[in-house]
């Protein structure tokens, strides 16, 4: 298999291809700005080569994973509107600024309405009232409304919008067909899915993890009932857009409680609901973790029959969970899941991740539990970061990794993305 890690700001964005490079999975989309600058050109190039994305896989609904996916879907809608206008004889219609992305065969995404169940309507009603172009419009109506509200709608909540974008009234991208359109989750007796010869085993989330997420969103609905009512009433009075203060208030309300630094029990519910996958082809394997906790990953591996108590699991590649957060990885996980290649996504903007303590923990535990060589890969570096804080953080990580490599006596190799937009891992 072949794995490419893109510059994605503080988030994740990777493409996994099979050995023949005839099938590919887009793994999350990173931050929207990073997607537009570093990922969109690569996807447009795939389109020119008449390639496709067999699967768009969204691990969970945090902005640093889903934001770039929404930017990709927005671009596709803009291009379809443009094509409609040209076909209708509007030769003056302006071509979208964003390059047209490669076609997507299906999407694996635990949609907002499925996670919320019966209370999803309260949120969706508020958004729909303010954004008819996304909630009710067909493609003909879109040509009149254009995309004047796209920035507003994108900002409100990416998870709701992805659900809208891929629906039958817009892009019509099949959602979770392997789960018959329902939630992608670990189910007893579930067989692996096949993507171009790659076998995909779902390890999580479990019903328990999703129930916690639903409870948290329902609490949000209850606590913000007044703000939602005001927004619905304002939209009903015929206003074409919200005032800046309204948008900011709703954005603050939509922010889930931040995780308490260093406390594993406080990882946010969207992280707990991460769609986690074990992908295998031949004798190669890649563990895609989203922002799941280490204990969740081990539970999922055991439930899937891939890990016995007291045993270890060897994988070729581990996408280190939650950008190398202290909340998500511990010595037990490091000693149990042993990889040849460890991929770190993130640039330090999110809680200082990849965290130096985690980088050191993985390196030291790996040296103790296995005598073979191993590699660290980073989709960022001091050289490519334009902002002072991320650049300083990555400089610290580079210095640490050089020291760890020296102490390993040649067993640890490493590579940081020093230029361009992507890093070929395997």
Foldseek 3Di string as FASTA:
>chain_A
DWKKWWAAAAAGWMKDADPVSQAIEIFFFAAQVLNQVFPQVVQLVCVVVVHAHAEYEQFFFDRRGLVRVLNLLVLQQLQVLVVVCVVVPNPVDDRDPGRHGGYYQAYEYQAPCLLQPPPPCLVVLLLCLQCVLQVPDASVVCNVVPCVCVVLSSLLGSRNRVVSSCDPRHVVHHYPVVVPNHHDADDAPDAFDDTPQKTKDWLDDDPVLSVVVNVQVVVLCVVCVPLSVVSNVVSVVPDNHDDPVSSVVSSVSPDGDDADALALVRDDSRLSGTGWIWIDHDHAIETRREQHALVSNVNSCVSVVNDDVPAAAEHAEYADHPQCGSNHDDLVSLLRYAYQEYEGEGQLPRVGGVPLVSVVSNLVSNVVNDPAAHEYEYNAELQPDPDDVSNVSRPVNVVSLVVSCVVSVNRYYYDYPNDGTMDIDD
